[in-house]
């Protein structure tokens, strides 16, 4: 996967490639450094992450384009691919080159040819303007330090009518391995900061036991 230009360009869509920023950088949570891809694929995760139910709630259509930002091992990427079908495309966006290599290998094994891997820095998803119908961010938004600027970058990536879906850990004591409490974002705080960046909450989905699941649309210009 030299160059990380992806598995398919879907009619000439080009993804810019950034310098490598490893998960062990200053922007990563110490508790989440150095986990191998297999950690994110562990079977017991499904009992509380409910990945298939999450993707079903996103109501993706065949032919849609989606971006999985902070894709990690591709845990959700592969499920998003199944939702958009052969005519759709999924951008797997991550700061970790080894994770993107893993996604590439698993996609080849499963015959998924409509995944484009995107190596990015922590502050830029590196997607072209008006590229995707849905941006999906699971367990990653708390890594991003300058979120107000990042939300604006996300808006530029969305097609008209596009949506942003965020899944992240509740800021409370949880019986699972989760990021440090100090790095987590309370649901209400995330809604407020997204609203300040012109993202309007359209759905607050009560599905997950340890995480909130929020879907936003872009507010209409006044």
N, C-alpha and C. Protein backbone atom coordinates (compact mmCIF):
# COMPACT_ATOMS: atom_id res chain seq x y z
N UNK A 1 0.84 -1.20 0.00
CA UNK A 1 0.00 0.00 0.00
C UNK A 1 0.87 1.24 0.00
N UNK A 2 1.97 1.19 -0.73
CA UNK A 2 2.92 2.30 -0.76
C UNK A 2 2.22 3.57 -1.22
N UNK A 3 2.42 4.67 -0.48
CA UNK A 3 1.82 5.93 -0.84
C UNK A 3 0.46 6.13 -0.23
N UNK A 4 -0.20 5.07 0.19
CA UNK A 4 -1.51 5.15 0.84
C UNK A 4 -2.50 5.95 0.03
N UNK A 5 -2.56 5.67 -1.27
CA UNK A 5 -3.52 6.36 -2.12
C UNK A 5 -4.83 5.61 -2.17
N UNK A 6 -4.87 4.43 -1.55
CA UNK A 6 -6.16 3.78 -1.38
C UNK A 6 -6.31 2.57 -2.25
N UNK A 7 -7.47 1.93 -2.12
CA UNK A 7 -7.79 0.74 -2.88
C UNK A 7 -8.52 1.09 -4.16
N UNK A 8 -9.16 2.29 -4.19
CA UNK A 8 -9.83 2.73 -5.40
C UNK A 8 -10.00 4.23 -5.35
N UNK A 9 -9.96 4.90 -6.48
CA UNK A 9 -10.12 6.35 -6.48
C UNK A 9 -11.53 6.78 -6.84
N UNK A 10 -12.42 5.84 -7.21
CA UNK A 10 -13.84 6.13 -7.46
C UNK A 10 -14.01 7.30 -8.42
N UNK A 11 -13.60 7.07 -9.65
CA UNK A 11 -13.85 8.07 -10.67
C UNK A 11 -12.96 9.29 -10.56
N UNK A 12 -11.76 9.12 -10.02
CA UNK A 12 -10.81 10.22 -10.04
C UNK A 12 -10.76 11.05 -8.79
N UNK A 13 -11.50 10.65 -7.73
CA UNK A 13 -11.40 11.39 -6.46
C UNK A 13 -10.00 11.18 -5.91
N UNK A 14 -9.29 12.24 -5.68
CA UNK A 14 -7.91 12.14 -5.20
C UNK A 14 -7.84 12.53 -3.74
N UNK A 15 -7.12 11.73 -2.97
CA UNK A 15 -6.93 12.02 -1.54
C UNK A 15 -5.50 12.49 -1.33
N UNK A 16 -5.35 13.62 -0.72
CA UNK A 16 -4.02 14.15 -0.42
C UNK A 16 -3.38 13.35 0.69
N UNK A 17 -2.09 13.24 0.65
CA UNK A 17 -1.36 12.45 1.63
C UNK A 17 -0.53 13.37 2.50
N UNK A 18 -0.65 13.20 3.81
CA UNK A 18 0.07 14.07 4.75
C UNK A 18 1.26 13.35 5.35
N UNK A 19 2.06 14.09 6.11
CA UNK A 19 3.16 13.49 6.85
C UNK A 19 2.61 12.58 7.93
N UNK A 20 3.40 11.58 8.29
CA UNK A 20 2.98 10.59 9.27
C UNK A 20 3.04 11.15 10.68
N UNK A 21 1.91 11.01 11.41
CA UNK A 21 1.85 11.36 12.82
C UNK A 21 1.39 10.11 13.56
N UNK A 22 2.27 9.48 14.33
CA UNK A 22 1.93 8.24 15.00
C UNK A 22 1.01 8.48 16.17
N UNK A 23 0.27 7.43 16.60
CA UNK A 23 -0.60 7.53 17.76
C UNK A 23 0.20 7.81 19.02
N UNK A 24 1.49 7.55 19.03
CA UNK A 24 2.29 7.84 20.20
C UNK A 24 2.71 9.29 20.31
N UNK A 25 2.17 10.16 19.47
CA UNK A 25 2.52 11.58 19.53
C UNK A 25 1.89 12.24 20.73
N UNK A 26 2.20 13.52 20.92
CA UNK A 26 1.67 14.26 22.06
C UNK A 26 0.17 14.42 22.00
N UNK A 27 -0.43 14.28 20.81
CA UNK A 27 -1.87 14.44 20.67
C UNK A 27 -2.65 13.19 21.05
N UNK A 28 -1.97 12.07 21.27
CA UNK A 28 -2.66 10.82 21.58
C UNK A 28 -2.77 10.62 23.08
N UNK A 29 -3.86 9.98 23.49
CA UNK A 29 -4.02 9.64 24.89
C UNK A 29 -3.01 8.57 25.28
N UNK A 30 -2.29 8.73 26.41
CA UNK A 30 -1.32 7.71 26.80
C UNK A 30 -1.95 6.32 26.92
N UNK A 31 -3.21 6.26 27.38
CA UNK A 31 -3.86 4.96 27.57
C UNK A 31 -4.15 4.27 26.25
N UNK A 32 -4.11 5.01 25.11
CA UNK A 32 -4.46 4.41 23.84
C UNK A 32 -3.26 4.26 22.90
N UNK A 33 -2.06 4.47 23.38
CA UNK A 33 -0.89 4.31 22.56
C UNK A 33 -0.53 2.84 22.40
N UNK A 34 0.01 2.52 21.24
CA UNK A 34 0.68 1.24 21.01
C UNK A 34 -0.26 0.04 20.98
N UNK A 35 -1.58 0.25 20.97
CA UNK A 35 -2.46 -0.90 20.83
C UNK A 35 -2.35 -1.43 19.41
N UNK A 36 -2.21 -2.75 19.24
CA UNK A 36 -2.17 -3.31 17.89
C UNK A 36 -3.58 -3.31 17.29
N UNK A 37 -3.71 -3.44 15.98
CA UNK A 37 -5.04 -3.45 15.36
C UNK A 37 -5.98 -4.49 15.97
N UNK A 38 -5.41 -5.63 16.33
CA UNK A 38 -6.25 -6.71 16.86
C UNK A 38 -6.98 -6.31 18.15
N UNK A 39 -6.43 -5.35 18.88
CA UNK A 39 -7.09 -4.90 20.11
C UNK A 39 -8.47 -4.32 19.80
N UNK A 40 -8.56 -3.56 18.71
CA UNK A 40 -9.82 -2.92 18.35
C UNK A 40 -10.80 -3.90 17.72
N UNK A 41 -10.31 -5.08 17.33
CA UNK A 41 -11.15 -6.08 16.70
C UNK A 41 -11.61 -7.16 17.68
N UNK A 42 -11.27 -7.03 18.96
CA UNK A 42 -11.59 -8.08 19.92
C UNK A 42 -13.10 -8.36 19.95
N UNK A 43 -13.50 -9.63 19.98
CA UNK A 43 -14.93 -9.98 19.87
C UNK A 43 -15.79 -9.38 20.96
N UNK A 44 -15.27 -9.25 22.18
CA UNK A 44 -16.09 -8.75 23.28
C UNK A 44 -16.48 -7.29 23.09
N UNK A 45 -15.79 -6.57 22.24
CA UNK A 45 -16.14 -5.16 22.00
C UNK A 45 -17.56 -5.02 21.45
N UNK A 46 -17.97 -5.98 20.64
CA UNK A 46 -19.28 -5.87 19.99
C UNK A 46 -20.43 -5.81 20.98
N UNK A 47 -20.25 -6.36 22.18
CA UNK A 47 -21.34 -6.41 23.15
C UNK A 47 -21.76 -5.02 23.61
N UNK A 48 -20.82 -4.07 23.63
CA UNK A 48 -21.18 -2.70 24.03
C UNK A 48 -21.04 -1.68 22.90
N UNK A 49 -20.24 -1.99 21.89
CA UNK A 49 -20.09 -1.06 20.76
C UNK A 49 -21.24 -1.17 19.76
N UNK A 50 -21.85 -2.37 19.69
CA UNK A 50 -23.00 -2.62 18.82
C UNK A 50 -22.77 -2.09 17.39
N UNK A 51 -21.70 -2.50 16.75
CA UNK A 51 -21.32 -1.86 15.48
C UNK A 51 -22.35 -2.00 14.37
N UNK A 52 -22.95 -3.17 14.25
CA UNK A 52 -23.92 -3.35 13.18
C UNK A 52 -25.17 -2.49 13.40
N UNK A 53 -25.59 -2.37 14.66
CA UNK A 53 -26.74 -1.53 14.97
C UNK A 53 -26.42 -0.06 14.76
N UNK A 54 -25.19 0.34 15.10
CA UNK A 54 -24.78 1.73 14.88
C UNK A 54 -24.85 2.08 13.39
N UNK A 55 -24.28 1.23 12.56
CA UNK A 55 -24.26 1.50 11.12
C UNK A 55 -25.68 1.50 10.56
N UNK A 56 -26.53 0.61 11.05
CA UNK A 56 -27.92 0.60 10.58
C UNK A 56 -28.62 1.92 10.88
N UNK A 57 -28.31 2.51 12.04
CA UNK A 57 -28.93 3.78 12.43
C UNK A 57 -28.46 4.95 11.56
N UNK A 58 -27.36 4.78 10.86
CA UNK A 58 -26.85 5.87 10.02
C UNK A 58 -27.64 6.03 8.73
N UNK A 59 -28.44 5.02 8.38
CA UNK A 59 -29.33 5.11 7.20
C UNK A 59 -28.57 5.49 5.93
N UNK A 60 -27.43 4.85 5.73
CA UNK A 60 -26.70 5.06 4.49
C UNK A 60 -27.42 4.38 3.33
N UNK A 61 -27.26 4.95 2.14
CA UNK A 61 -27.89 4.40 0.95
C UNK A 61 -26.83 3.81 0.03
N UNK A 62 -27.19 2.81 -0.76
CA UNK A 62 -26.24 2.30 -1.76
C UNK A 62 -25.76 3.44 -2.65
N UNK A 63 -24.46 3.50 -2.85
CA UNK A 63 -23.87 4.54 -3.66
C UNK A 63 -23.38 5.74 -2.88
N UNK A 64 -23.67 5.80 -1.58
CA UNK A 64 -23.20 6.92 -0.76
C UNK A 64 -21.68 6.88 -0.60
N UNK A 65 -21.13 8.04 -0.24
CA UNK A 65 -19.71 8.15 0.12
C UNK A 65 -19.63 8.50 1.60
N UNK A 66 -18.82 7.77 2.34
CA UNK A 66 -18.67 7.99 3.78
C UNK A 66 -17.20 8.10 4.12
N UNK A 67 -16.90 8.80 5.21
CA UNK A 67 -15.53 8.89 5.72
C UNK A 67 -15.53 8.39 7.16
N UNK A 68 -14.66 7.46 7.46
CA UNK A 68 -14.47 6.93 8.81
C UNK A 68 -13.20 7.56 9.35
N UNK A 69 -13.37 8.63 10.15
CA UNK A 69 -12.21 9.39 10.64
C UNK A 69 -11.76 8.81 11.98
N UNK A 70 -10.46 8.50 12.06
CA UNK A 70 -9.95 7.72 13.19
C UNK A 70 -10.32 6.27 12.99
N UNK A 71 -10.14 5.80 11.76
CA UNK A 71 -10.64 4.47 11.37
C UNK A 71 -9.99 3.34 12.15
N UNK A 72 -8.77 3.55 12.65
CA UNK A 72 -8.11 2.49 13.41
C UNK A 72 -7.93 1.23 12.58
N UNK A 73 -8.43 0.13 13.08
CA UNK A 73 -8.29 -1.16 12.41
C UNK A 73 -9.30 -1.36 11.28
N UNK A 74 -10.20 -0.39 11.10
CA UNK A 74 -11.26 -0.56 10.10
C UNK A 74 -12.48 -1.26 10.65
N UNK A 75 -12.60 -1.28 11.97
CA UNK A 75 -13.72 -1.96 12.64
C UNK A 75 -15.05 -1.48 12.08
N UNK A 76 -15.20 -0.17 11.93
CA UNK A 76 -16.42 0.37 11.33
C UNK A 76 -16.28 0.56 9.82
N UNK A 77 -15.08 0.76 9.33
CA UNK A 77 -14.89 0.98 7.89
C UNK A 77 -15.52 -0.13 7.08
N UNK A 78 -15.23 -1.38 7.44
CA UNK A 78 -15.73 -2.51 6.66
C UNK A 78 -17.25 -2.59 6.72
N UNK A 79 -17.83 -2.23 7.85
CA UNK A 79 -19.29 -2.25 7.97
C UNK A 79 -19.91 -1.12 7.16
N UNK A 80 -19.26 0.03 7.12
CA UNK A 80 -19.74 1.14 6.30
C UNK A 80 -19.70 0.76 4.82
N UNK A 81 -18.68 0.03 4.41
CA UNK A 81 -18.58 -0.42 3.02
C UNK A 81 -19.78 -1.29 2.66
N UNK A 82 -20.14 -2.19 3.54
CA UNK A 82 -21.30 -3.04 3.26
C UNK A 82 -22.57 -2.21 3.13
N UNK A 83 -22.66 -1.13 3.90
CA UNK A 83 -23.86 -0.29 3.87
C UNK A 83 -23.96 0.52 2.57
N UNK A 84 -22.83 0.99 2.04
CA UNK A 84 -22.88 1.81 0.82
C UNK A 84 -22.85 0.97 -0.44
N UNK A 85 -22.51 -0.31 -0.31
CA UNK A 85 -22.53 -1.21 -1.45
C UNK A 85 -21.39 -0.98 -2.43
N UNK A 86 -21.42 -1.77 -3.51
CA UNK A 86 -20.34 -1.71 -4.49
C UNK A 86 -20.27 -0.36 -5.20
N UNK A 87 -21.38 0.34 -5.28
CA UNK A 87 -21.39 1.63 -5.95
C UNK A 87 -20.96 2.79 -5.06
N UNK A 88 -20.75 2.53 -3.78
CA UNK A 88 -20.35 3.58 -2.85
C UNK A 88 -18.85 3.55 -2.60
N UNK A 89 -18.42 4.39 -1.70
CA UNK A 89 -17.00 4.48 -1.36
C UNK A 89 -16.87 4.88 0.10
N UNK A 90 -15.85 4.36 0.77
CA UNK A 90 -15.56 4.72 2.16
C UNK A 90 -14.10 5.14 2.25
N UNK A 91 -13.87 6.32 2.80
CA UNK A 91 -12.52 6.80 3.07
C UNK A 91 -12.16 6.41 4.51
N UNK A 92 -11.11 5.62 4.67
CA UNK A 92 -10.60 5.25 5.98
C UNK A 92 -9.47 6.21 6.32
N UNK A 93 -9.73 7.12 7.26
CA UNK A 93 -8.81 8.22 7.57
C UNK A 93 -8.16 7.97 8.92
N UNK A 94 -6.85 8.00 8.98
CA UNK A 94 -6.17 7.77 10.26
C UNK A 94 -4.78 8.39 10.23
N UNK A 95 -4.25 8.64 11.43
CA UNK A 95 -2.90 9.19 11.57
C UNK A 95 -1.83 8.11 11.61
N UNK A 96 -2.24 6.85 11.69
CA UNK A 96 -1.31 5.75 11.95
C UNK A 96 -1.17 4.89 10.70
N UNK A 97 0.01 4.91 10.12
CA UNK A 97 0.27 4.16 8.90
C UNK A 97 0.05 2.66 9.08
N UNK A 98 0.42 2.12 10.25
CA UNK A 98 0.27 0.69 10.47
C UNK A 98 -1.20 0.28 10.47
N UNK A 99 -2.07 1.14 10.99
CA UNK A 99 -3.50 0.84 10.97
C UNK A 99 -4.02 0.82 9.53
N UNK A 100 -3.57 1.74 8.72
CA UNK A 100 -4.02 1.76 7.34
C UNK A 100 -3.52 0.53 6.57
N UNK A 101 -2.32 0.07 6.88
CA UNK A 101 -1.84 -1.17 6.25
C UNK A 101 -2.73 -2.34 6.65
N UNK A 102 -3.14 -2.37 7.92
CA UNK A 102 -4.02 -3.44 8.38
C UNK A 102 -5.36 -3.38 7.64
N UNK A 103 -5.94 -2.19 7.52
CA UNK A 103 -7.21 -2.03 6.80
C UNK A 103 -7.05 -2.53 5.36
N UNK A 104 -5.97 -2.17 4.74
CA UNK A 104 -5.72 -2.59 3.36
C UNK A 104 -5.69 -4.12 3.26
N UNK A 105 -4.96 -4.75 4.17
CA UNK A 105 -4.87 -6.21 4.14
C UNK A 105 -6.20 -6.89 4.37
N UNK A 106 -6.97 -6.40 5.35
CA UNK A 106 -8.27 -7.01 5.63
C UNK A 106 -9.24 -6.78 4.47
N UNK A 107 -9.17 -5.61 3.84
CA UNK A 107 -10.05 -5.33 2.71
C UNK A 107 -9.75 -6.26 1.54
N UNK A 108 -8.48 -6.52 1.31
CA UNK A 108 -8.12 -7.44 0.23
C UNK A 108 -8.62 -8.84 0.52
N UNK A 109 -8.50 -9.27 1.78
CA UNK A 109 -8.99 -10.60 2.15
C UNK A 109 -10.48 -10.73 1.94
N UNK A 110 -11.22 -9.64 2.22
CA UNK A 110 -12.68 -9.69 2.14
C UNK A 110 -13.21 -9.20 0.79
N UNK A 111 -12.31 -8.89 -0.14
CA UNK A 111 -12.74 -8.47 -1.47
C UNK A 111 -13.42 -7.13 -1.50
N UNK A 112 -13.02 -6.23 -0.63
CA UNK A 112 -13.61 -4.89 -0.59
C UNK A 112 -12.69 -3.94 -1.37
N UNK A 113 -13.16 -3.48 -2.51
CA UNK A 113 -12.32 -2.69 -3.39
C UNK A 113 -12.76 -1.22 -3.45
N UNK A 114 -13.66 -0.83 -2.58
CA UNK A 114 -14.11 0.57 -2.59
C UNK A 114 -13.78 1.26 -1.27
N UNK A 115 -12.61 0.93 -0.72
CA UNK A 115 -12.05 1.63 0.43
C UNK A 115 -10.85 2.44 -0.05
N UNK A 116 -10.81 3.71 0.32
CA UNK A 116 -9.65 4.56 0.05
C UNK A 116 -9.03 4.92 1.40
N UNK A 117 -7.79 4.55 1.61
CA UNK A 117 -7.10 4.89 2.86
C UNK A 117 -6.46 6.26 2.74
N UNK A 118 -6.55 7.04 3.82
CA UNK A 118 -6.03 8.40 3.83
C UNK A 118 -5.18 8.60 5.07
N UNK A 119 -3.90 8.82 4.88
CA UNK A 119 -3.00 9.12 5.98
C UNK A 119 -3.05 10.63 6.24
N UNK A 120 -3.33 11.01 7.48
CA UNK A 120 -3.56 12.44 7.75
C UNK A 120 -2.84 12.87 9.02
N UNK A 121 -2.62 14.17 9.18
CA UNK A 121 -2.16 14.71 10.45
C UNK A 121 -3.33 14.83 11.41
N UNK A 122 -3.08 15.05 12.70
CA UNK A 122 -4.18 15.10 13.66
C UNK A 122 -5.16 16.24 13.44
N UNK A 123 -4.77 17.29 12.73
CA UNK A 123 -5.62 18.48 12.64
C UNK A 123 -6.30 18.66 11.30
N UNK A 124 -6.24 17.65 10.41
CA UNK A 124 -6.81 17.81 9.08
C UNK A 124 -7.19 16.44 8.52
N UNK A 125 -8.46 16.23 8.15
CA UNK A 125 -8.86 14.92 7.61
C UNK A 125 -8.36 14.67 6.20
N UNK A 126 -7.85 15.68 5.52
CA UNK A 126 -7.24 15.52 4.20
C UNK A 126 -8.21 14.95 3.16
N UNK A 127 -9.45 15.41 3.21
CA UNK A 127 -10.44 15.02 2.23
C UNK A 127 -10.77 16.22 1.34
N UNK A 128 -11.03 15.96 0.09
CA UNK A 128 -11.36 17.03 -0.84
C UNK A 128 -12.72 17.64 -0.50
N UNK A 129 -12.95 18.89 -0.90
CA UNK A 129 -14.24 19.53 -0.62
C UNK A 129 -15.41 18.77 -1.25
N UNK A 130 -16.54 18.77 -0.53
CA UNK A 130 -17.79 18.18 -1.02
C UNK A 130 -17.59 16.75 -1.52
N UNK A 131 -16.89 15.95 -0.71
CA UNK A 131 -16.54 14.58 -1.11
C UNK A 131 -17.49 13.53 -0.56
N UNK A 132 -18.04 13.75 0.65
CA UNK A 132 -18.75 12.67 1.34
C UNK A 132 -20.15 13.08 1.78
N UNK A 133 -21.01 12.05 1.87
CA UNK A 133 -22.37 12.24 2.38
C UNK A 133 -22.42 12.12 3.90
N UNK A 134 -21.49 11.35 4.47
CA UNK A 134 -21.47 11.14 5.91
C UNK A 134 -20.04 11.09 6.40
N UNK A 135 -19.78 11.82 7.48
CA UNK A 135 -18.52 11.69 8.22
C UNK A 135 -18.85 10.97 9.52
N UNK A 136 -18.14 9.88 9.79
CA UNK A 136 -18.36 9.07 10.99
C UNK A 136 -17.08 9.13 11.83
N UNK A 137 -17.23 9.52 13.11
CA UNK A 137 -16.08 9.63 14.01
C UNK A 137 -16.41 8.87 15.30
N UNK A 138 -15.75 7.75 15.51
CA UNK A 138 -16.01 6.94 16.70
C UNK A 138 -14.77 6.91 17.59
N UNK A 139 -14.93 7.31 18.84
CA UNK A 139 -13.87 7.23 19.85
C UNK A 139 -12.61 8.00 19.44
N UNK A 140 -12.79 9.07 18.71
CA UNK A 140 -11.64 9.81 18.17
C UNK A 140 -11.73 11.31 18.41
N UNK A 141 -12.92 11.86 18.51
CA UNK A 141 -13.06 13.32 18.57
C UNK A 141 -12.31 13.91 19.77
N UNK A 142 -12.19 13.12 20.86
CA UNK A 142 -11.49 13.63 22.04
C UNK A 142 -9.98 13.75 21.82
N UNK A 143 -9.45 13.13 20.77
CA UNK A 143 -8.03 13.27 20.45
C UNK A 143 -7.70 14.63 19.84
N UNK A 144 -8.69 15.29 19.26
CA UNK A 144 -8.44 16.47 18.44
C UNK A 144 -8.39 17.71 19.32
N UNK A 145 -7.31 18.44 19.25
CA UNK A 145 -7.10 19.55 20.19
C UNK A 145 -7.83 20.82 19.76
N UNK A 146 -7.74 21.20 18.51
CA UNK A 146 -8.39 22.43 18.03
C UNK A 146 -9.66 22.04 17.27
N UNK A 147 -10.68 21.65 18.02
CA UNK A 147 -11.87 21.11 17.38
C UNK A 147 -12.67 22.17 16.63
N UNK A 148 -12.66 23.42 17.07
CA UNK A 148 -13.43 24.44 16.36
C UNK A 148 -12.95 24.56 14.92
N UNK A 149 -11.65 24.54 14.72
CA UNK A 149 -11.09 24.58 13.37
C UNK A 149 -11.37 23.28 12.63
N UNK A 150 -11.29 22.17 13.36
CA UNK A 150 -11.49 20.86 12.73
C UNK A 150 -12.92 20.72 12.22
N UNK A 151 -13.90 21.19 13.00
CA UNK A 151 -15.30 21.13 12.55
C UNK A 151 -15.47 21.88 11.23
N UNK A 152 -14.81 23.03 11.09
CA UNK A 152 -14.92 23.78 9.85
C UNK A 152 -14.31 23.00 8.68
N UNK A 153 -13.23 22.32 8.94
CA UNK A 153 -12.64 21.47 7.90
C UNK A 153 -13.61 20.35 7.52
N UNK A 154 -14.28 19.78 8.51
CA UNK A 154 -15.25 18.72 8.23
C UNK A 154 -16.40 19.22 7.37
N UNK A 155 -16.87 20.42 7.66
CA UNK A 155 -17.97 20.98 6.86
C UNK A 155 -17.60 21.07 5.39
N UNK A 156 -16.36 21.45 5.12
CA UNK A 156 -15.94 21.58 3.72
C UNK A 156 -15.91 20.23 3.01
N UNK A 157 -15.70 19.16 3.76
CA UNK A 157 -15.65 17.82 3.16
C UNK A 157 -17.02 17.29 2.78
N UNK A 158 -18.08 17.81 3.42
CA UNK A 158 -19.42 17.26 3.23
C UNK A 158 -20.08 17.79 1.96
N UNK A 159 -20.81 16.90 1.30
CA UNK A 159 -21.67 17.32 0.20
C UNK A 159 -22.86 18.09 0.77
N UNK A 160 -23.59 18.83 -0.06
CA UNK A 160 -24.82 19.47 0.41
C UNK A 160 -25.76 18.44 1.02
N UNK A 161 -26.28 18.74 2.20
CA UNK A 161 -27.14 17.78 2.89
C UNK A 161 -26.40 16.70 3.65
N UNK A 162 -25.05 16.80 3.68
CA UNK A 162 -24.25 15.78 4.36
C UNK A 162 -24.39 15.85 5.87
N UNK A 163 -23.97 14.77 6.53
CA UNK A 163 -24.14 14.65 7.98
C UNK A 163 -22.83 14.28 8.66
N UNK A 164 -22.76 14.63 9.94
CA UNK A 164 -21.64 14.26 10.81
C UNK A 164 -22.18 13.40 11.95
N UNK A 165 -21.63 12.20 12.13
CA UNK A 165 -22.03 11.32 13.23
C UNK A 165 -20.85 11.13 14.17
N UNK A 166 -21.09 11.33 15.45
CA UNK A 166 -20.03 11.21 16.47
C UNK A 166 -20.45 10.21 17.53
N UNK A 167 -19.60 9.25 17.77
CA UNK A 167 -19.76 8.30 18.88
C UNK A 167 -18.54 8.47 19.77
N UNK A 168 -18.77 8.73 21.06
CA UNK A 168 -17.63 8.83 21.97
C UNK A 168 -18.07 8.49 23.39
N UNK A 169 -17.09 8.31 24.26
CA UNK A 169 -17.35 7.81 25.60
C UNK A 169 -17.99 8.87 26.50
N UNK A 170 -18.98 8.45 27.25
CA UNK A 170 -19.59 9.32 28.24
C UNK A 170 -18.55 9.73 29.27
N UNK A 171 -18.70 10.94 29.77
CA UNK A 171 -17.76 11.43 30.79
C UNK A 171 -18.28 11.03 32.16
N UNK A 172 -18.13 9.75 32.46
CA UNK A 172 -18.56 9.18 33.74
C UNK A 172 -17.78 7.89 33.96
N UNK A 173 -17.84 7.36 35.16
CA UNK A 173 -17.15 6.11 35.44
C UNK A 173 -17.79 4.99 34.62
N UNK A 174 -16.93 4.22 33.95
CA UNK A 174 -17.40 3.16 33.07
C UNK A 174 -16.71 1.85 33.43
N UNK A 175 -17.39 0.72 33.26
CA UNK A 175 -16.80 -0.57 33.63
C UNK A 175 -15.96 -1.20 32.52
N UNK A 176 -15.49 -0.39 31.58
CA UNK A 176 -14.66 -0.88 30.48
C UNK A 176 -13.41 -0.01 30.37
N UNK A 177 -12.43 -0.51 29.62
CA UNK A 177 -11.24 0.29 29.35
C UNK A 177 -11.62 1.45 28.45
N UNK A 178 -11.42 2.67 28.93
CA UNK A 178 -11.81 3.87 28.19
C UNK A 178 -10.73 4.92 28.36
N UNK A 179 -10.74 5.96 27.51
CA UNK A 179 -9.74 7.03 27.66
C UNK A 179 -9.83 7.68 29.04
N UNK A 180 -8.76 8.31 29.50
CA UNK A 180 -8.80 8.98 30.80
C UNK A 180 -9.95 9.98 30.87
N UNK A 181 -10.56 10.09 32.04
CA UNK A 181 -11.69 10.99 32.22
C UNK A 181 -11.34 12.41 31.79
N UNK A 182 -10.10 12.82 32.06
CA UNK A 182 -9.69 14.19 31.76
C UNK A 182 -9.69 14.50 30.27
N UNK A 183 -9.59 13.48 29.43
CA UNK A 183 -9.55 13.71 27.98
C UNK A 183 -10.93 13.59 27.34
N UNK A 184 -11.89 13.04 28.04
CA UNK A 184 -13.21 12.83 27.44
C UNK A 184 -13.99 14.14 27.36
N UNK A 185 -14.96 14.18 26.46
CA UNK A 185 -15.81 15.34 26.27
C UNK A 185 -17.23 14.97 26.67
N UNK A 186 -17.82 15.72 27.57
CA UNK A 186 -19.20 15.48 27.95
C UNK A 186 -20.11 15.71 26.74
N UNK A 187 -21.18 14.95 26.67
CA UNK A 187 -22.08 15.05 25.53
C UNK A 187 -22.58 16.48 25.33
N UNK A 188 -23.00 17.12 26.40
CA UNK A 188 -23.55 18.47 26.29
C UNK A 188 -22.49 19.45 25.77
N UNK A 189 -21.25 19.26 26.21
CA UNK A 189 -20.17 20.14 25.76
C UNK A 189 -19.90 19.94 24.28
N UNK A 190 -19.95 18.70 23.81
CA UNK A 190 -19.70 18.44 22.40
C UNK A 190 -20.81 19.05 21.55
N UNK A 191 -22.06 18.93 22.00
CA UNK A 191 -23.17 19.52 21.25
C UNK A 191 -22.99 21.04 21.15
N UNK A 192 -22.56 21.66 22.24
CA UNK A 192 -22.38 23.11 22.25
C UNK A 192 -21.25 23.54 21.31
N UNK A 193 -20.13 22.83 21.35
CA UNK A 193 -19.01 23.24 20.50
C UNK A 193 -19.31 22.96 19.03
N UNK A 194 -20.06 21.91 18.75
CA UNK A 194 -20.46 21.65 17.37
C UNK A 194 -21.42 22.73 16.88
N UNK A 195 -22.33 23.15 17.75
CA UNK A 195 -23.28 24.21 17.39
C UNK A 195 -22.55 25.51 17.09
N UNK A 196 -21.50 25.79 17.84
CA UNK A 196 -20.72 27.01 17.60
C UNK A 196 -20.04 26.98 16.24
N UNK A 197 -19.84 25.77 15.71
CA UNK A 197 -19.24 25.61 14.39
C UNK A 197 -20.30 25.36 13.31
N UNK A 198 -21.56 25.70 13.63
CA UNK A 198 -22.68 25.60 12.70
C UNK A 198 -23.09 24.17 12.38
N UNK A 199 -22.89 23.25 13.31
CA UNK A 199 -23.46 21.91 13.20
C UNK A 199 -24.68 21.84 14.11
N UNK A 200 -25.83 21.52 13.54
CA UNK A 200 -27.07 21.41 14.31
C UNK A 200 -27.34 19.95 14.65
N UNK A 201 -27.65 19.67 15.91
CA UNK A 201 -27.96 18.31 16.32
C UNK A 201 -29.29 17.87 15.68
N UNK A 202 -29.25 16.78 14.94
CA UNK A 202 -30.47 16.26 14.34
C UNK A 202 -30.94 14.97 14.99
N UNK A 203 -30.01 14.21 15.59
CA UNK A 203 -30.39 12.98 16.28
C UNK A 203 -29.49 12.76 17.50
N UNK A 204 -30.10 12.39 18.61
CA UNK A 204 -29.39 11.92 19.80
C UNK A 204 -29.89 10.50 20.02
N UNK A 205 -29.12 9.53 19.55
CA UNK A 205 -29.59 8.15 19.46
C UNK A 205 -29.24 7.40 20.74
N UNK A 206 -30.24 6.92 21.41
CA UNK A 206 -30.07 6.17 22.66
C UNK A 206 -29.91 4.69 22.33
N UNK A 207 -28.68 4.27 22.15
CA UNK A 207 -28.40 2.91 21.72
C UNK A 207 -27.29 2.25 22.53
N UNK A 208 -26.26 3.03 22.88
CA UNK A 208 -25.04 2.46 23.42
C UNK A 208 -24.96 2.66 24.93
N UNK A 209 -24.48 1.65 25.66
CA UNK A 209 -24.48 1.76 27.13
C UNK A 209 -23.42 2.70 27.69
N UNK A 210 -22.29 2.87 27.00
CA UNK A 210 -21.17 3.63 27.56
C UNK A 210 -20.80 4.86 26.72
N UNK A 211 -21.49 5.07 25.64
CA UNK A 211 -21.13 6.14 24.71
C UNK A 211 -22.38 6.90 24.27
N UNK A 212 -22.17 8.16 23.90
CA UNK A 212 -23.25 8.87 23.23
C UNK A 212 -23.09 8.69 21.72
N UNK A 213 -24.19 8.90 21.01
CA UNK A 213 -24.25 8.68 19.57
C UNK A 213 -25.07 9.85 19.00
N UNK A 214 -24.37 10.80 18.40
CA UNK A 214 -24.98 12.04 17.96
C UNK A 214 -24.82 12.20 16.45
N UNK A 215 -25.86 12.70 15.81
CA UNK A 215 -25.82 12.97 14.37
C UNK A 215 -26.14 14.44 14.15
N UNK A 216 -25.31 15.12 13.36
CA UNK A 216 -25.46 16.55 13.11
C UNK A 216 -25.63 16.81 11.62
N UNK A 217 -26.34 17.89 11.33
CA UNK A 217 -26.39 18.43 9.98
C UNK A 217 -25.82 19.85 10.02
N UNK A 218 -25.53 20.41 8.86
CA UNK A 218 -24.99 21.77 8.83
C UNK A 218 -26.14 22.77 8.90
N UNK A 219 -26.01 23.74 9.79
CA UNK A 219 -27.04 24.76 9.91
C UNK A 219 -27.12 25.59 8.62
N UNK A 220 -28.34 25.95 8.27
CA UNK A 220 -28.52 26.81 7.10
C UNK A 220 -27.95 28.19 7.41
N UNK A 221 -27.39 28.83 6.39
CA UNK A 221 -26.86 30.18 6.57
C UNK A 221 -27.99 31.15 6.88
N UNK A 222 -27.77 32.11 7.79
CA UNK A 222 -28.83 33.07 8.11
C UNK A 222 -29.15 33.97 6.94
